[in-house]
N, C-alpha and C. Protein backbone atom coordinates (compact mmCIF):
# COMPACT_ATOMS: atom_id res chain seq x y z
N MET A 1 28.69 -10.82 13.34
CA MET A 1 29.88 -11.62 13.16
C MET A 1 29.95 -12.06 11.70
N THR A 2 31.12 -11.85 11.10
CA THR A 2 31.27 -12.23 9.70
C THR A 2 32.17 -13.45 9.59
N THR A 3 31.90 -14.22 8.58
CA THR A 3 32.74 -15.38 8.32
C THR A 3 33.53 -15.12 7.05
N ARG A 4 34.71 -15.68 6.99
CA ARG A 4 35.55 -15.50 5.83
C ARG A 4 35.14 -16.47 4.74
N THR A 5 35.07 -15.94 3.55
CA THR A 5 34.75 -16.82 2.43
C THR A 5 36.01 -17.57 2.02
N SER A 6 35.84 -18.55 1.18
CA SER A 6 37.00 -19.33 0.76
C SER A 6 37.94 -18.48 -0.10
N ASP A 7 37.39 -17.49 -0.81
CA ASP A 7 38.26 -16.60 -1.60
C ASP A 7 39.16 -15.76 -0.69
N GLU A 8 38.59 -15.25 0.39
CA GLU A 8 39.39 -14.46 1.34
C GLU A 8 40.45 -15.32 2.00
N ALA A 9 40.09 -16.53 2.35
CA ALA A 9 41.05 -17.45 2.97
C ALA A 9 42.16 -17.80 1.98
N SER A 10 41.78 -18.01 0.72
CA SER A 10 42.76 -18.33 -0.31
C SER A 10 43.70 -17.15 -0.55
N ASP A 11 43.14 -15.94 -0.59
CA ASP A 11 43.98 -14.75 -0.77
C ASP A 11 44.92 -14.57 0.41
N SER A 12 44.42 -14.83 1.60
CA SER A 12 45.24 -14.70 2.79
C SER A 12 46.39 -15.71 2.77
N LYS A 13 46.10 -16.95 2.39
CA LYS A 13 47.15 -17.98 2.31
C LYS A 13 48.18 -17.61 1.24
N ARG A 14 47.72 -17.09 0.12
CA ARG A 14 48.62 -16.71 -0.96
C ARG A 14 49.55 -15.57 -0.51
N LEU A 15 48.98 -14.58 0.18
CA LEU A 15 49.78 -13.47 0.69
C LEU A 15 50.80 -13.97 1.72
N GLU A 16 50.36 -14.86 2.59
CA GLU A 16 51.26 -15.42 3.60
C GLU A 16 52.42 -16.17 2.94
N LEU A 17 52.13 -16.93 1.88
CA LEU A 17 53.19 -17.65 1.17
C LEU A 17 54.16 -16.68 0.51
N LYS A 18 53.65 -15.61 -0.10
CA LYS A 18 54.53 -14.62 -0.73
C LYS A 18 55.44 -13.95 0.29
N ILE A 19 54.88 -13.61 1.44
CA ILE A 19 55.69 -12.97 2.49
C ILE A 19 56.75 -13.95 3.00
N PHE A 20 56.37 -15.20 3.21
CA PHE A 20 57.32 -16.21 3.68
C PHE A 20 58.46 -16.39 2.67
N LEU A 21 58.13 -16.49 1.38
CA LEU A 21 59.16 -16.65 0.37
C LEU A 21 60.07 -15.43 0.29
N PHE A 22 59.48 -14.25 0.40
CA PHE A 22 60.29 -13.03 0.39
C PHE A 22 61.28 -13.03 1.55
N LEU A 23 60.81 -13.39 2.73
CA LEU A 23 61.68 -13.39 3.91
C LEU A 23 62.78 -14.44 3.80
N THR A 24 62.44 -15.63 3.36
CA THR A 24 63.42 -16.72 3.36
C THR A 24 64.34 -16.69 2.15
N VAL A 25 63.84 -16.28 0.99
CA VAL A 25 64.66 -16.33 -0.23
C VAL A 25 65.46 -15.04 -0.41
N LEU A 26 64.91 -13.90 -0.04
CA LEU A 26 65.59 -12.64 -0.29
C LEU A 26 66.15 -11.98 0.97
N LEU A 27 65.29 -11.75 1.93
CA LEU A 27 65.69 -10.91 3.06
C LEU A 27 66.72 -11.58 3.97
N ALA A 28 66.51 -12.83 4.34
CA ALA A 28 67.45 -13.50 5.26
C ALA A 28 68.86 -13.61 4.67
N PRO A 29 69.03 -14.04 3.41
CA PRO A 29 70.40 -14.10 2.87
C PRO A 29 71.05 -12.72 2.75
N ILE A 30 70.28 -11.72 2.35
CA ILE A 30 70.84 -10.38 2.22
C ILE A 30 71.29 -9.85 3.57
N LEU A 31 70.45 -10.03 4.59
CA LEU A 31 70.84 -9.57 5.92
C LEU A 31 72.04 -10.34 6.46
N SER A 32 72.13 -11.62 6.18
CA SER A 32 73.27 -12.42 6.62
C SER A 32 74.56 -11.92 5.99
N VAL A 33 74.53 -11.68 4.69
CA VAL A 33 75.72 -11.18 3.99
C VAL A 33 76.12 -9.81 4.52
N LEU A 34 75.14 -8.93 4.73
CA LEU A 34 75.45 -7.60 5.26
C LEU A 34 76.03 -7.67 6.66
N LEU A 35 75.50 -8.54 7.49
CA LEU A 35 76.01 -8.67 8.85
C LEU A 35 77.44 -9.19 8.86
N VAL A 36 77.72 -10.24 8.10
CA VAL A 36 79.07 -10.83 8.07
C VAL A 36 80.06 -9.84 7.44
N SER A 37 79.67 -9.19 6.35
CA SER A 37 80.59 -8.25 5.72
C SER A 37 80.80 -7.02 6.60
N GLY A 38 79.78 -6.58 7.32
CA GLY A 38 79.94 -5.45 8.24
C GLY A 38 80.90 -5.79 9.37
N LEU A 39 80.79 -6.99 9.90
CA LEU A 39 81.71 -7.40 10.96
C LEU A 39 83.14 -7.51 10.42
N GLY A 40 83.29 -8.08 9.23
CA GLY A 40 84.61 -8.17 8.62
C GLY A 40 85.21 -6.80 8.38
N PHE A 41 84.40 -5.85 7.91
CA PHE A 41 84.89 -4.49 7.69
C PHE A 41 85.30 -3.85 9.01
N ALA A 42 84.51 -4.05 10.06
CA ALA A 42 84.84 -3.46 11.36
C ALA A 42 86.16 -4.01 11.89
N ILE A 43 86.37 -5.32 11.75
CA ILE A 43 87.63 -5.92 12.20
C ILE A 43 88.80 -5.41 11.36
N TRP A 44 88.62 -5.35 10.05
CA TRP A 44 89.67 -4.86 9.16
C TRP A 44 90.04 -3.41 9.50
N PHE A 45 89.02 -2.58 9.70
CA PHE A 45 89.29 -1.17 9.98
C PHE A 45 89.94 -1.00 11.34
N SER A 46 89.53 -1.79 12.33
CA SER A 46 90.15 -1.68 13.65
C SER A 46 91.61 -2.12 13.59
N GLN A 47 91.93 -3.07 12.70
CA GLN A 47 93.34 -3.48 12.58
C GLN A 47 94.16 -2.44 11.84
N ILE A 48 93.53 -1.66 10.99
CA ILE A 48 94.25 -0.53 10.37
C ILE A 48 94.64 0.48 11.45
N LEU A 49 93.71 0.74 12.39
CA LEU A 49 93.97 1.74 13.40
C LEU A 49 94.90 1.24 14.50
N THR A 50 94.76 -0.01 14.91
CA THR A 50 95.51 -0.50 16.08
C THR A 50 96.61 -1.49 15.73
N GLY A 51 96.68 -1.95 14.50
CA GLY A 51 97.67 -2.94 14.13
C GLY A 51 97.10 -4.33 14.31
N PRO A 52 97.79 -5.33 13.74
CA PRO A 52 97.28 -6.70 13.85
C PRO A 52 97.40 -7.21 15.29
N PRO A 53 96.67 -8.26 15.61
CA PRO A 53 96.77 -8.82 16.96
C PRO A 53 98.18 -9.33 17.23
N GLY A 54 98.66 -9.05 18.43
CA GLY A 54 99.98 -9.52 18.85
C GLY A 54 101.12 -8.61 18.41
N ALA A 55 100.83 -7.57 17.66
CA ALA A 55 101.90 -6.65 17.25
C ALA A 55 102.12 -5.62 18.36
N GLY A 56 103.33 -5.50 18.79
CA GLY A 56 103.64 -4.44 19.73
C GLY A 56 103.71 -4.95 21.11
């Protein structure tokens, strides 16, 4: 059975912090913008094909 040294624990914490910052600062906002813009594009394109709501 091996025990983790304080350097390994420190490296692990540092990596965990980097991953957390990447997810919260970069990935989540980018995915949110892509999701909202994709939905807006889908609605816009469907209105091109079928007309605006209530028309007809």
